């Protein structure tokens, strides 16, 4: 089980990642609003459609990552941070340092 100091350090890293993800979503135009605003009269509508699709795909990935980070943050105060959600064994410190939002130990994540 990670120490309180380690959990505090990982919480800081998770909060920083959360802030960065939120910032990137705002930069893409997917902050608190419903989505991007494109000029309907733009001459090359296929280019706009392609760009919109790419931006929406990236925004969806960022939102999913943000949900994982927020889930991990919610666990830091409840004593369940660092435990695998499948087998309930400890997640290795190295894995948590590499990916603080890990839900599963390496064995469960790899399907062993």
PDB file of N, CA and C in Angstrom:
ATOM      1  N   UNK A   1       0.854  -1.184   0.000  1.00  0.00           N
ATOM      2  CA  UNK A   1       0.000   0.000   0.000  1.00  0.00           C
ATOM      3  C   UNK A   1       0.890   1.233   0.000  1.00  0.00           C
ATOM      4  N   UNK A   2       0.574   2.210  -0.855  1.00  0.00           N
ATOM      5  CA  UNK A   2       1.392   3.423  -0.878  1.00  0.00           C
ATOM      6  C   UNK A   2       1.294   4.171   0.454  1.00  0.00           C
ATOM      7  N   UNK A   3       2.371   4.825   0.818  1.00  0.00           N
ATOM      8  CA  UNK A   3       2.375   5.613   2.043  1.00  0.00           C
ATOM      9  C   UNK A   3       1.537   6.871   1.844  1.00  0.00           C
ATOM     10  N   UNK A   4       1.206   7.518   2.950  1.00  0.00           N
ATOM     11  CA  UNK A   4       0.436   8.769   2.883  1.00  0.00           C
ATOM     12  C   UNK A   4       1.187   9.829   2.076  1.00  0.00           C
ATOM     13  N   UNK A   5       2.517   9.873   2.248  1.00  0.00           N
ATOM     14  CA  UNK A   5       3.328  10.851   1.508  1.00  0.00           C
ATOM     15  C   UNK A   5       3.285  10.563   0.008  1.00  0.00           C
ATOM     16  N   UNK A   6       3.362   9.283  -0.342  1.00  0.00           N
ATOM     17  CA  UNK A   6       3.296   8.901  -1.753  1.00  0.00           C
ATOM     18  C   UNK A   6       1.931   9.244  -2.336  1.00  0.00           C
ATOM     19  N   UNK A   7       0.881   8.951  -1.584  1.00  0.00           N
ATOM     20  CA  UNK A   7      -0.476   9.276  -2.044  1.00  0.00           C
ATOM     21  C   UNK A   7      -0.618  10.784  -2.230  1.00  0.00           C
ATOM     22  N   UNK A   8      -0.068  11.562  -1.316  1.00  0.00           N
ATOM     23  CA  UNK A   8      -0.142  13.022  -1.430  1.00  0.00           C
ATOM     24  C   UNK A   8       0.584  13.497  -2.688  1.00  0.00           C
ATOM     25  N   UNK A   9       1.750  12.912  -2.963  1.00  0.00           N
ATOM     26  CA  UNK A   9       2.494  13.276  -4.173  1.00  0.00           C
ATOM     27  C   UNK A   9       1.730  12.893  -5.433  1.00  0.00           C
ATOM     28  N   UNK A  10       1.142  11.711  -5.425  1.00  0.00           N
ATOM     29  CA  UNK A  10       0.374  11.264  -6.585  1.00  0.00           C
ATOM     30  C   UNK A  10      -0.895  12.086  -6.750  1.00  0.00           C
ATOM     31  N   UNK A  11      -1.478  12.519  -5.637  1.00  0.00           N
ATOM     32  CA  UNK A  11      -2.666  13.387  -5.717  1.00  0.00           C
ATOM     33  C   UNK A  11      -2.314  14.707  -6.408  1.00  0.00           C
ATOM     34  N   UNK A  12      -1.157  15.268  -6.062  1.00  0.00           N
ATOM     35  CA  UNK A  12      -0.703  16.506  -6.704  1.00  0.00           C
ATOM     36  C   UNK A  12      -0.527  16.277  -8.212  1.00  0.00           C
ATOM     37  N   UNK A  13       0.066  15.137  -8.576  1.00  0.00           N
ATOM     38  CA  UNK A  13       0.255  14.816  -9.996  1.00  0.00           C
ATOM     39  C   UNK A  13      -1.091  14.657 -10.702  1.00  0.00           C
ATOM     40  N   UNK A  14      -2.033  13.991 -10.052  1.00  0.00           N
ATOM     41  CA  UNK A  14      -3.368  13.821 -10.632  1.00  0.00           C
ATOM     42  C   UNK A  14      -4.096  15.152 -10.781  1.00  0.00           C
ATOM     43  N   UNK A  15      -3.993  16.019  -9.792  1.00  0.00           N
ATOM     44  CA  UNK A  15      -4.630  17.341  -9.880  1.00  0.00           C
ATOM     45  C   UNK A  15      -4.032  18.146 -11.020  1.00  0.00           C
ATOM     46  N   UNK A  16      -2.725  18.049 -11.192  1.00  0.00           N
ATOM     47  CA  UNK A  16      -2.058  18.749 -12.285  1.00  0.00           C
ATOM     48  C   UNK A  16      -2.523  18.205 -13.637  1.00  0.00           C
ATOM     49  N   UNK A  17      -2.621  16.882 -13.730  1.00  0.00           N
ATOM     50  CA  UNK A  17      -3.099  16.263 -14.975  1.00  0.00           C
ATOM     51  C   UNK A  17      -4.546  16.660 -15.257  1.00  0.00           C
ATOM     52  N   UNK A  18      -5.373  16.684 -14.218  1.00  0.00           N
ATOM     53  CA  UNK A  18      -6.775  17.094 -14.380  1.00  0.00           C
ATOM     54  C   UNK A  18      -6.855  18.519 -14.925  1.00  0.00           C
ATOM     55  N   UNK A  19      -6.067  19.424 -14.350  1.00  0.00           N
ATOM     56  CA  UNK A  19      -6.074  20.816 -14.800  1.00  0.00           C
ATOM     57  C   UNK A  19      -5.613  20.934 -16.253  1.00  0.00           C
ATOM     58  N   UNK A  20      -4.589  20.157 -16.619  1.00  0.00           N
ATOM     59  CA  UNK A  20      -4.078  20.167 -17.991  1.00  0.00           C
ATOM     60  C   UNK A  20      -5.125  19.636 -18.969  1.00  0.00           C
ATOM     61  N   UNK A  21      -5.810  18.565 -18.602  1.00  0.00           N
ATOM     62  CA  UNK A  21      -6.860  18.007 -19.465  1.00  0.00           C
ATOM     63  C   UNK A  21      -7.997  18.998 -19.654  1.00  0.00           C
ATOM     64  N   UNK A  22      -8.407  19.629 -18.585  1.00  0.00           N
ATOM     65  CA  UNK A  22      -9.479  20.633 -18.688  1.00  0.00           C
ATOM     66  C   UNK A  22      -9.051  21.786 -19.587  1.00  0.00           C
ATOM     67  N   UNK A  23      -7.811  22.210 -19.445  1.00  0.00           N
ATOM     68  CA  UNK A  23      -7.281  23.304 -20.263  1.00  0.00           C
ATOM     69  C   UNK A  23      -7.263  22.920 -21.745  1.00  0.00           C
ATOM     70  N   UNK A  24      -6.836  21.701 -22.036  1.00  0.00           N
ATOM     71  CA  UNK A  24      -6.792  21.242 -23.432  1.00  0.00           C
ATOM     72  C   UNK A  24      -8.193  21.169 -24.032  1.00  0.00           C
ATOM     73  N   UNK A  25      -9.170  20.735 -23.222  1.00  0.00           N
ATOM     74  CA  UNK A  25     -10.549  20.698 -23.714  1.00  0.00           C
ATOM     75  C   UNK A  25     -11.055  22.096 -24.030  1.00  0.00           C
ATOM     76  N   UNK A  26     -10.726  23.066 -23.186  1.00  0.00           N
ATOM     77  CA  UNK A  26     -11.131  24.448 -23.439  1.00  0.00           C
ATOM     78  C   UNK A  26     -10.464  24.968 -24.718  1.00  0.00           C
ATOM     79  N   UNK A  27      -9.179  24.675 -24.883  1.00  0.00           N
ATOM     80  CA  UNK A  27      -8.460  25.107 -26.088  1.00  0.00           C
ATOM     81  C   UNK A  27      -9.089  24.539 -27.352  1.00  0.00           C
ATOM     82  N   UNK A  28      -9.594  23.311 -27.266  1.00  0.00           N
ATOM     83  CA  UNK A  28     -10.237  22.682 -28.413  1.00  0.00           C
ATOM     84  C   UNK A  28     -11.653  23.207 -28.647  1.00  0.00           C
ATOM     85  N   UNK A  29     -12.165  23.956 -27.687  1.00  0.00           N
ATOM     86  CA  UNK A  29     -13.523  24.467 -27.816  1.00  0.00           C
ATOM     87  C   UNK A  29     -14.555  23.559 -27.176  1.00  0.00           C
ATOM     88  N   UNK A  30     -14.100  22.626 -26.334  1.00  0.00           N
ATOM     89  CA  UNK A  30     -15.000  21.677 -25.683  1.00  0.00           C
ATOM     90  C   UNK A  30     -14.989  21.852 -24.176  1.00  0.00           C
ATOM     91  N   UNK A  31     -14.824  23.067 -23.710  1.00  0.00           N
ATOM     92  CA  UNK A  31     -14.824  23.310 -22.276  1.00  0.00           C
ATOM     93  C   UNK A  31     -16.205  23.102 -21.711  1.00  0.00           C
ATOM     94  N   UNK A  32     -16.831  24.153 -21.262  1.00  0.00           N
ATOM     95  CA  UNK A  32     -18.172  24.061 -20.684  1.00  0.00           C
ATOM     96  C   UNK A  32     -19.261  24.115 -21.741  1.00  0.00           C
ATOM     97  N   UNK A  33     -18.885  24.456 -22.979  1.00  0.00           N
ATOM     98  CA  UNK A  33     -19.892  24.569 -24.037  1.00  0.00           C
ATOM     99  C   UNK A  33     -20.163  23.205 -24.657  1.00  0.00           C
ATOM    100  N   UNK A  34     -21.129  23.148 -25.532  1.00  0.00           N
ATOM    101  CA  UNK A  34     -21.551  21.885 -26.131  1.00  0.00           C
ATOM    102  C   UNK A  34     -20.582  21.387 -27.194  1.00  0.00           C
ATOM    103  N   UNK A  35     -19.822  22.252 -27.813  1.00  0.00           N
ATOM    104  CA  UNK A  35     -18.907  21.816 -28.862  1.00  0.00           C
ATOM    105  C   UNK A  35     -18.347  22.987 -29.626  1.00  0.00           C
ATOM    106  N   UNK A  36     -17.751  22.681 -30.751  1.00  0.00           N
ATOM    107  CA  UNK A  36     -17.107  23.694 -31.564  1.00  0.00           C
ATOM    108  C   UNK A  36     -18.125  24.453 -32.399  1.00  0.00           C
ATOM    109  N   UNK A  37     -17.747  25.662 -32.773  1.00  0.00           N
ATOM    110  CA  UNK A  37     -18.603  26.506 -33.589  1.00  0.00           C
ATOM    111  C   UNK A  37     -17.887  26.759 -34.907  1.00  0.00           C
ATOM    112  N   UNK A  38     -18.378  26.157 -35.973  1.00  0.00           N
ATOM    113  CA  UNK A  38     -17.785  26.324 -37.296  1.00  0.00           C
ATOM    114  C   UNK A  38     -18.685  27.206 -38.144  1.00  0.00           C
ATOM    115  N   UNK A  39     -18.073  27.912 -39.077  1.00  0.00           N
ATOM    116  CA  UNK A  39     -18.799  28.762 -40.004  1.00  0.00           C
ATOM    117  C   UNK A  39     -19.505  27.879 -41.024  1.00  0.00           C
ATOM    118  N   UNK A  40     -20.824  27.900 -41.022  1.00  0.00           N
ATOM    119  CA  UNK A  40     -21.609  27.062 -41.932  1.00  0.00           C
ATOM    120  C   UNK A  40     -21.387  27.438 -43.383  1.00  0.00           C
ATOM    121  N   UNK A  41     -20.945  28.656 -43.659  1.00  0.00           N
ATOM    122  CA  UNK A  41     -20.738  29.122 -45.024  1.00  0.00           C
ATOM    123  C   UNK A  41     -19.306  28.902 -45.508  1.00  0.00           C
ATOM    124  N   UNK A  42     -18.513  28.192 -44.743  1.00  0.00           N
ATOM    125  CA  UNK A  42     -17.128  27.945 -45.131  1.00  0.00           C
ATOM    126  C   UNK A  42     -17.119  27.203 -46.462  1.00  0.00           C
ATOM    127  N   UNK A  43     -16.231  27.589 -47.369  1.00  0.00           N
ATOM    128  CA  UNK A  43     -16.216  27.069 -48.733  1.00  0.00           C
ATOM    129  C   UNK A  43     -15.937  25.564 -48.805  1.00  0.00           C
ATOM    130  N   UNK A  44     -15.087  25.065 -47.971  1.00  0.00           N
ATOM    131  CA  UNK A  44     -14.714  23.653 -48.046  1.00  0.00           C
ATOM    132  C   UNK A  44     -15.345  22.890 -46.880  1.00  0.00           C
ATOM    133  N   UNK A  45     -16.592  22.530 -47.045  1.00  0.00           N
ATOM    134  CA  UNK A  45     -17.312  21.879 -45.952  1.00  0.00           C
ATOM    135  C   UNK A  45     -16.732  20.499 -45.619  1.00  0.00           C
ATOM    136  N   UNK A  46     -16.140  19.814 -46.586  1.00  0.00           N
ATOM    137  CA  UNK A  46     -15.552  18.511 -46.282  1.00  0.00           C
ATOM    138  C   UNK A  46     -14.349  18.662 -45.364  1.00  0.00           C
ATOM    139  N   UNK A  47     -13.591  19.737 -45.542  1.00  0.00           N
ATOM    140  CA  UNK A  47     -12.448  19.990 -44.655  1.00  0.00           C
ATOM    141  C   UNK A  47     -12.948  20.296 -43.251  1.00  0.00           C
ATOM    142  N   UNK A  48     -13.997  21.091 -43.145  1.00  0.00           N
ATOM    143  CA  UNK A  48     -14.569  21.423 -41.846  1.00  0.00           C
ATOM    144  C   UNK A  48     -15.085  20.156 -41.162  1.00  0.00           C
ATOM    145  N   UNK A  49     -15.749  19.294 -41.928  1.00  0.00           N
ATOM    146  CA  UNK A  49     -16.269  18.059 -41.374  1.00  0.00           C
ATOM    147  C   UNK A  49     -15.139  17.173 -40.857  1.00  0.00           C
ATOM    148  N   UNK A  50     -14.070  17.072 -41.630  1.00  0.00           N
ATOM    149  CA  UNK A  50     -12.915  16.265 -41.208  1.00  0.00           C
ATOM    150  C   UNK A  50     -12.281  16.842 -39.953  1.00  0.00           C
ATOM    151  N   UNK A  51     -12.093  18.154 -39.924  1.00  0.00           N
ATOM    152  CA  UNK A  51     -11.492  18.798 -38.753  1.00  0.00           C
ATOM    153  C   UNK A  51     -12.387  18.658 -37.532  1.00  0.00           C
ATOM    154  N   UNK A  52     -13.676  18.786 -37.724  1.00  0.00           N
ATOM    155  CA  UNK A  52     -14.615  18.638 -36.617  1.00  0.00           C
ATOM    156  C   UNK A  52     -14.546  17.219 -36.067  1.00  0.00           C
ATOM    157  N   UNK A  53     -14.503  16.232 -36.959  1.00  0.00           N
ATOM    158  CA  UNK A  53     -14.416  14.841 -36.529  1.00  0.00           C
ATOM    159  C   UNK A  53     -13.149  14.565 -35.743  1.00  0.00           C
ATOM    160  N   UNK A  54     -12.019  15.103 -36.213  1.00  0.00           N
ATOM    161  CA  UNK A  54     -10.754  14.922 -35.492  1.00  0.00           C
ATOM    162  C   UNK A  54     -10.796  15.588 -34.124  1.00  0.00           C
ATOM    163  N   UNK A  55     -11.330  16.806 -34.066  1.00  0.00           N
ATOM    164  CA  UNK A  55     -11.409  17.536 -32.798  1.00  0.00           C
ATOM    165  C   UNK A  55     -12.337  16.822 -31.819  1.00  0.00           C
ATOM    166  N   UNK A  56     -13.455  16.301 -32.309  1.00  0.00           N
ATOM    167  CA  UNK A  56     -14.389  15.595 -31.433  1.00  0.00           C
ATOM    168  C   UNK A  56     -13.796  14.281 -30.934  1.00  0.00           C
ATOM    169  N   UNK A  57     -13.047  13.581 -31.781  1.00  0.00           N
ATOM    170  CA  UNK A  57     -12.401  12.334 -31.349  1.00  0.00           C
ATOM    171  C   UNK A  57     -11.369  12.621 -30.270  1.00  0.00           C
ATOM    172  N   UNK A  58     -10.568  13.659 -30.463  1.00  0.00           N
ATOM    173  CA  UNK A  58      -9.568  14.034 -29.468  1.00  0.00           C
ATOM    174  C   UNK A  58     -10.251  14.463 -28.168  1.00  0.00           C
ATOM    175  N   UNK A  59     -11.313  15.240 -28.280  1.00  0.00           N
ATOM    176  CA  UNK A  59     -12.039  15.695 -27.091  1.00  0.00           C
ATOM    177  C   UNK A  59     -12.623  14.507 -26.324  1.00  0.00           C
ATOM    178  N   UNK A  60     -13.143  13.509 -27.038  1.00  0.00           N
ATOM    179  CA  UNK A  60     -13.682  12.319 -26.365  1.00  0.00           C
ATOM    180  C   UNK A  60     -12.592  11.569 -25.607  1.00  0.00           C
ATOM    181  N   UNK A  61     -11.421  11.446 -26.216  1.00  0.00           N
ATOM    182  CA  UNK A  61     -10.295  10.795 -25.547  1.00  0.00           C
ATOM    183  C   UNK A  61      -9.885  11.574 -24.308  1.00  0.00           C
ATOM    184  N   UNK A  62      -9.819  12.892 -24.427  1.00  0.00           N
ATOM    185  CA  UNK A  62      -9.460  13.732 -23.286  1.00  0.00           C
ATOM    186  C   UNK A  62     -10.498  13.614 -22.171  1.00  0.00           C
ATOM    187  N   UNK A  63     -11.777  13.574 -22.540  1.00  0.00           N
ATOM    188  CA  UNK A  63     -12.839  13.425 -21.528  1.00  0.00           C
ATOM    189  C   UNK A  63     -12.735  12.084 -20.799  1.00  0.00           C
ATOM    190  N   UNK A  64     -12.458  11.021 -21.546  1.00  0.00           N
ATOM    191  CA  UNK A  64     -12.312   9.705 -20.919  1.00  0.00           C
ATOM    192  C   UNK A  64     -11.141   9.697 -19.946  1.00  0.00           C
ATOM    193  N   UNK A  65     -10.027  10.291 -20.363  1.00  0.00           N
ATOM    194  CA  UNK A  65      -8.859  10.373 -19.489  1.00  0.00           C
ATOM    195  C   UNK A  65      -9.176  11.213 -18.265  1.00  0.00           C
ATOM    196  N   UNK A  66      -9.893  12.306 -18.455  1.00  0.00           N
ATOM    197  CA  UNK A  66     -10.293  13.166 -17.350  1.00  0.00           C
ATOM    198  C   UNK A  66     -11.172  12.396 -16.357  1.00  0.00           C
ATOM    199  N   UNK A  67     -12.076  11.582 -16.848  1.00  0.00           N
ATOM    200  CA  UNK A  67     -12.918  10.774 -15.960  1.00  0.00           C
ATOM    201  C   UNK A  67     -12.072   9.806 -15.135  1.00  0.00           C
ATOM    202  N   UNK A  68     -11.072   9.193 -15.755  1.00  0.00           N
ATOM    203  CA  UNK A  68     -10.188   8.274 -15.031  1.00  0.00           C
ATOM    204  C   UNK A  68      -9.403   9.009 -13.949  1.00  0.00           C
ATOM    205  N   UNK A  69      -8.910  10.198 -14.277  1.00  0.00           N
ATOM    206  CA  UNK A  69      -8.147  10.998 -13.315  1.00  0.00           C
ATOM    207  C   UNK A  69      -9.050  11.413 -12.153  1.00  0.00           C
ATOM    208  N   UNK A  70     -10.255  11.869 -12.454  1.00  0.00           N
ATOM    209  CA  UNK A  70     -11.176  12.278 -11.394  1.00  0.00           C
ATOM    210  C   UNK A  70     -11.585  11.082 -10.526  1.00  0.00           C
ATOM    211  N   UNK A  71     -11.725   9.916 -11.127  1.00  0.00           N
ATOM    212  CA  UNK A  71     -12.038   8.707 -10.359  1.00  0.00           C
ATOM    213  C   UNK A  71     -10.893   8.398  -9.386  1.00  0.00           C
ATOM    214  N   UNK A  72      -9.667   8.469  -9.881  1.00  0.00           N
ATOM    215  CA  UNK A  72      -8.501   8.206  -9.027  1.00  0.00           C
ATOM    216  C   UNK A  72      -8.422   9.233  -7.906  1.00  0.00           C
ATOM    217  N   UNK A  73      -8.692  10.495  -8.214  1.00  0.00           N
ATOM    218  CA  UNK A  73      -8.674  11.536  -7.180  1.00  0.00           C
ATOM    219  C   UNK A  73      -9.716  11.244  -6.103  1.00  0.00           C
ATOM    220  N   UNK A  74     -10.865  10.754  -6.500  1.00  0.00           N
ATOM    221  CA  UNK A  74     -11.911  10.460  -5.516  1.00  0.00           C
ATOM    222  C   UNK A  74     -11.495   9.323  -4.581  1.00  0.00           C
ATOM    223  N   UNK A  75     -10.614   8.454  -5.053  1.00  0.00           N
ATOM    224  CA  UNK A  75     -10.162   7.327  -4.241  1.00  0.00           C
ATOM    225  C   UNK A  75      -9.029   7.707  -3.288  1.00  0.00           C
ATOM    226  N   UNK A  76      -8.343   8.831  -3.520  1.00  0.00           N
ATOM    227  CA  UNK A  76      -7.193   9.170  -2.686  1.00  0.00           C
ATOM    228  C   UNK A  76      -7.587   9.478  -1.250  1.00  0.00           C
ATOM    229  N   UNK A  77      -8.792   9.911  -1.018  1.00  0.00           N
ATOM    230  CA  UNK A  77      -9.217  10.233   0.336  1.00  0.00           C
ATOM    231  C   UNK A  77      -9.937   9.113   1.047  1.00  0.00           C
ATOM    232  N   UNK A  78     -10.271   8.057   0.331  1.00  0.00           N
ATOM    233  CA  UNK A  78     -11.095   7.007   0.919  1.00  0.00           C
ATOM    234  C   UNK A  78     -10.376   5.744   1.319  1.00  0.00           C
ATOM    235  N   UNK A  79      -9.088   5.697   1.186  1.00  0.00           N
ATOM    236  CA  UNK A  79      -8.340   4.515   1.578  1.00  0.00           C
ATOM    237  C   UNK A  79      -8.299   3.410   0.543  1.00  0.00           C
ATOM    238  N   UNK A  80      -8.941   3.604  -0.601  1.00  0.00           N
ATOM    239  CA  UNK A  80      -8.931   2.560  -1.625  1.00  0.00           C
ATOM    240  C   UNK A  80      -7.947   2.857  -2.751  1.00  0.00           C
ATOM    241  N   UNK A  81      -7.276   4.003  -2.672  1.00  0.00           N
ATOM    242  CA  UNK A  81      -6.299   4.341  -3.707  1.00  0.00           C
ATOM    243  C   UNK A  81      -5.137   3.358  -3.636  1.00  0.00           C
ATOM    244  N   UNK A  82      -4.720   2.850  -4.791  1.00  0.00           N
ATOM    245  CA  UNK A  82      -3.601   1.917  -4.841  1.00  0.00           C
ATOM    246  C   UNK A  82      -4.006   0.466  -4.760  1.00  0.00           C
ATOM    247  N   UNK A  83      -5.315   0.196  -4.697  1.00  0.00           N
ATOM    248  CA  UNK A  83      -5.811  -1.178  -4.694  1.00  0.00           C
ATOM    249  C   UNK A  83      -6.454  -1.475  -6.041  1.00  0.00           C
ATOM    250  N   UNK A  84      -6.189  -2.647  -6.544  1.00  0.00           N
ATOM    251  CA  UNK A  84      -6.760  -3.088  -7.809  1.00  0.00           C
ATOM    252  C   UNK A  84      -8.278  -3.216  -7.659  1.00  0.00           C
ATOM    253  N   UNK A  85      -9.015  -2.697  -8.610  1.00  0.00           N
ATOM    254  CA  UNK A  85     -10.473  -2.758  -8.547  1.00  0.00           C
ATOM    255  C   UNK A  85     -11.015  -4.135  -8.922  1.00  0.00           C
ATOM    256  N   UNK A  86     -10.170  -5.006  -9.446  1.00  0.00           N
ATOM    257  CA  UNK A  86     -10.631  -6.347  -9.803  1.00  0.00           C
ATOM    258  C   UNK A  86     -10.280  -7.364  -8.714  1.00  0.00           C
ATOM    259  N   UNK A  87      -9.001  -7.461  -8.360  1.00  0.00           N
ATOM    260  CA  UNK A  87      -8.574  -8.490  -7.404  1.00  0.00           C
ATOM    261  C   UNK A  87      -8.330  -7.941  -5.998  1.00  0.00           C
ATOM    262  N   UNK A  88      -8.347  -6.637  -5.860  1.00  0.00           N
ATOM    263  CA  UNK A  88      -8.154  -5.922  -4.593  1.00  0.00           C
ATOM    264  C   UNK A  88      -6.745  -6.054  -4.017  1.00  0.00           C
ATOM    265  N   UNK A  89      -5.793  -6.564  -4.818  1.00  0.00           N
ATOM    266  CA  UNK A  89      -4.397  -6.551  -4.409  1.00  0.00           C
ATOM    267  C   UNK A  89      -3.837  -5.157  -4.615  1.00  0.00           C
ATOM    268  N   UNK A  90      -2.676  -4.909  -4.030  1.00  0.00           N
ATOM    269  CA  UNK A  90      -2.034  -3.610  -4.192  1.00  0.00           C
ATOM    270  C   UNK A  90      -1.512  -3.452  -5.611  1.00  0.00           C
ATOM    271  N   UNK A  91      -1.629  -2.245  -6.117  1.00  0.00           N
ATOM    272  CA  UNK A  91      -1.021  -1.885  -7.393  1.00  0.00           C
ATOM    273  C   UNK A  91       0.407  -1.462  -7.070  1.00  0.00           C
ATOM    274  N   UNK A  92       1.361  -1.926  -7.837  1.00  0.00           N
ATOM    275  CA  UNK A  92       2.762  -1.638  -7.539  1.00  0.00           C
ATOM    276  C   UNK A  92       3.032  -0.135  -7.573  1.00  0.00           C
ATOM    277  N   UNK A  93       3.958   0.294  -6.748  1.00  0.00           N
ATOM    278  CA  UNK A  93       4.336   1.712  -6.688  1.00  0.00           C
ATOM    279  C   UNK A  93       4.840   2.201  -8.037  1.00  0.00           C
ATOM    280  N   UNK A  94       5.602   1.345  -8.731  1.00  0.00           N
ATOM    281  CA  UNK A  94       6.129   1.738 -10.046  1.00  0.00           C
ATOM    282  C   UNK A  94       4.986   2.007 -11.025  1.00  0.00           C
ATOM    283  N   UNK A  95       3.958   1.167 -10.991  1.00  0.00           N
ATOM    284  CA  UNK A  95       2.810   1.369 -11.895  1.00  0.00           C
ATOM    285  C   UNK A  95       2.065   2.650 -11.531  1.00  0.00           C
ATOM    286  N   UNK A  96       1.872   2.887 -10.246  1.00  0.00           N
ATOM    287  CA  UNK A  96       1.180   4.108  -9.820  1.00  0.00           C
ATOM    288  C   UNK A  96       1.972   5.361 -10.175  1.00  0.00           C
ATOM    289  N   UNK A  97       3.292   5.290 -10.051  1.00  0.00           N
ATOM    290  CA  UNK A  97       4.115   6.444 -10.424  1.00  0.00           C
ATOM    291  C   UNK A  97       4.019   6.716 -11.919  1.00  0.00           C
ATOM    292  N   UNK A  98       4.000   5.644 -12.713  1.00  0.00           N
ATOM    293  CA  UNK A  98       3.910   5.803 -14.164  1.00  0.00           C
ATOM    294  C   UNK A  98       2.524   6.240 -14.605  1.00  0.00           C
ATOM    295  N   UNK A  99       1.508   5.724 -13.914  1.00  0.00           N
ATOM    296  CA  UNK A  99       0.118   6.003 -14.287  1.00  0.00           C
ATOM    297  C   UNK A  99      -0.722   6.080 -13.024  1.00  0.00           C
ATOM    298  N   UNK A 100      -0.744   7.248 -12.371  1.00  0.00           N
ATOM    299  CA  UNK A 100      -1.441   7.386 -11.089  1.00  0.00           C
ATOM    300  C   UNK A 100      -2.932   7.062 -11.137  1.00  0.00           C
ATOM    301  N   UNK A 101      -3.529   7.113 -12.314  1.00  0.00           N
ATOM    302  CA  UNK A 101      -4.964   6.836 -12.415  1.00  0.00           C
ATOM    303  C   UNK A 101      -5.255   5.356 -12.652  1.00  0.00           C
ATOM    304  N   UNK A 102      -4.252   4.486 -12.510  1.00  0.00           N
ATOM    305  CA  UNK A 102      -4.432   3.041 -12.726  1.00  0.00           C
ATOM    306  C   UNK A 102      -5.532   2.497 -11.827  1.00  0.00           C
ATOM    307  N   UNK A 103      -6.433   1.739 -12.424  1.00  0.00           N
ATOM    308  CA  UNK A 103      -7.496   1.073 -11.665  1.00  0.00           C
ATOM    309  C   UNK A 103      -7.123  -0.360 -11.328  1.00  0.00           C
ATOM    310  N   UNK A 104      -6.207  -0.939 -12.111  1.00  0.00           N
ATOM    311  CA  UNK A 104      -5.916  -2.360 -12.006  1.00  0.00           C
ATOM    312  C   UNK A 104      -4.417  -2.606 -11.832  1.00  0.00           C
ATOM    313  N   UNK A 105      -4.099  -3.686 -11.140  1.00  0.00           N
ATOM    314  CA  UNK A 105      -2.704  -4.124 -11.057  1.00  0.00           C
ATOM    315  C   UNK A 105      -2.274  -4.603 -12.440  1.00  0.00           C
ATOM    316  N   UNK A 106      -1.000  -4.804 -12.620  1.00  0.00           N
ATOM    317  CA  UNK A 106      -0.501  -5.190 -13.941  1.00  0.00           C
ATOM    318  C   UNK A 106      -1.065  -6.541 -14.396  1.00  0.00           C
ATOM    319  N   UNK A 107      -1.238  -7.475 -13.461  1.00  0.00           N
ATOM    320  CA  UNK A 107      -1.783  -8.786 -13.834  1.00  0.00           C
ATOM    321  C   UNK A 107      -3.209  -8.670 -14.353  1.00  0.00           C
ATOM    322  N   UNK A 108      -4.042  -7.924 -13.643  1.00  0.00           N
ATOM    323  CA  UNK A 108      -5.451  -7.771 -14.072  1.00  0.00           C
ATOM    324  C   UNK A 108      -5.550  -6.919 -15.335  1.00  0.00           C
ATOM    325  N   UNK A 109      -4.698  -5.931 -15.460  1.00  0.00           N
ATOM    326  CA  UNK A 109      -4.732  -5.071 -16.645  1.00  0.00           C
ATOM    327  C   UNK A 109      -4.328  -5.835 -17.902  1.00  0.00           C
ATOM    328  N   UNK A 110      -3.433  -6.817 -17.733  1.00  0.00           N
ATOM    329  CA  UNK A 110      -2.984  -7.580 -18.897  1.00  0.00           C
ATOM    330  C   UNK A 110      -3.836  -8.829 -19.133  1.00  0.00           C
ATOM    331  N   UNK A 111      -4.839  -9.037 -18.293  1.00  0.00           N
ATOM    332  CA  UNK A 111      -5.771 -10.139 -18.477  1.00  0.00           C
ATOM    333  C   UNK A 111      -5.234 -11.491 -18.045  1.00  0.00           C
ATOM    334  N   UNK A 112      -4.252 -11.488 -17.185  1.00  0.00           N
ATOM    335  CA  UNK A 112      -3.678 -12.764 -16.701  1.00  0.00           C
ATOM    336  C   UNK A 112      -4.571 -13.419 -15.687  1.00  0.00           C
TER     337      UNK A 112
END
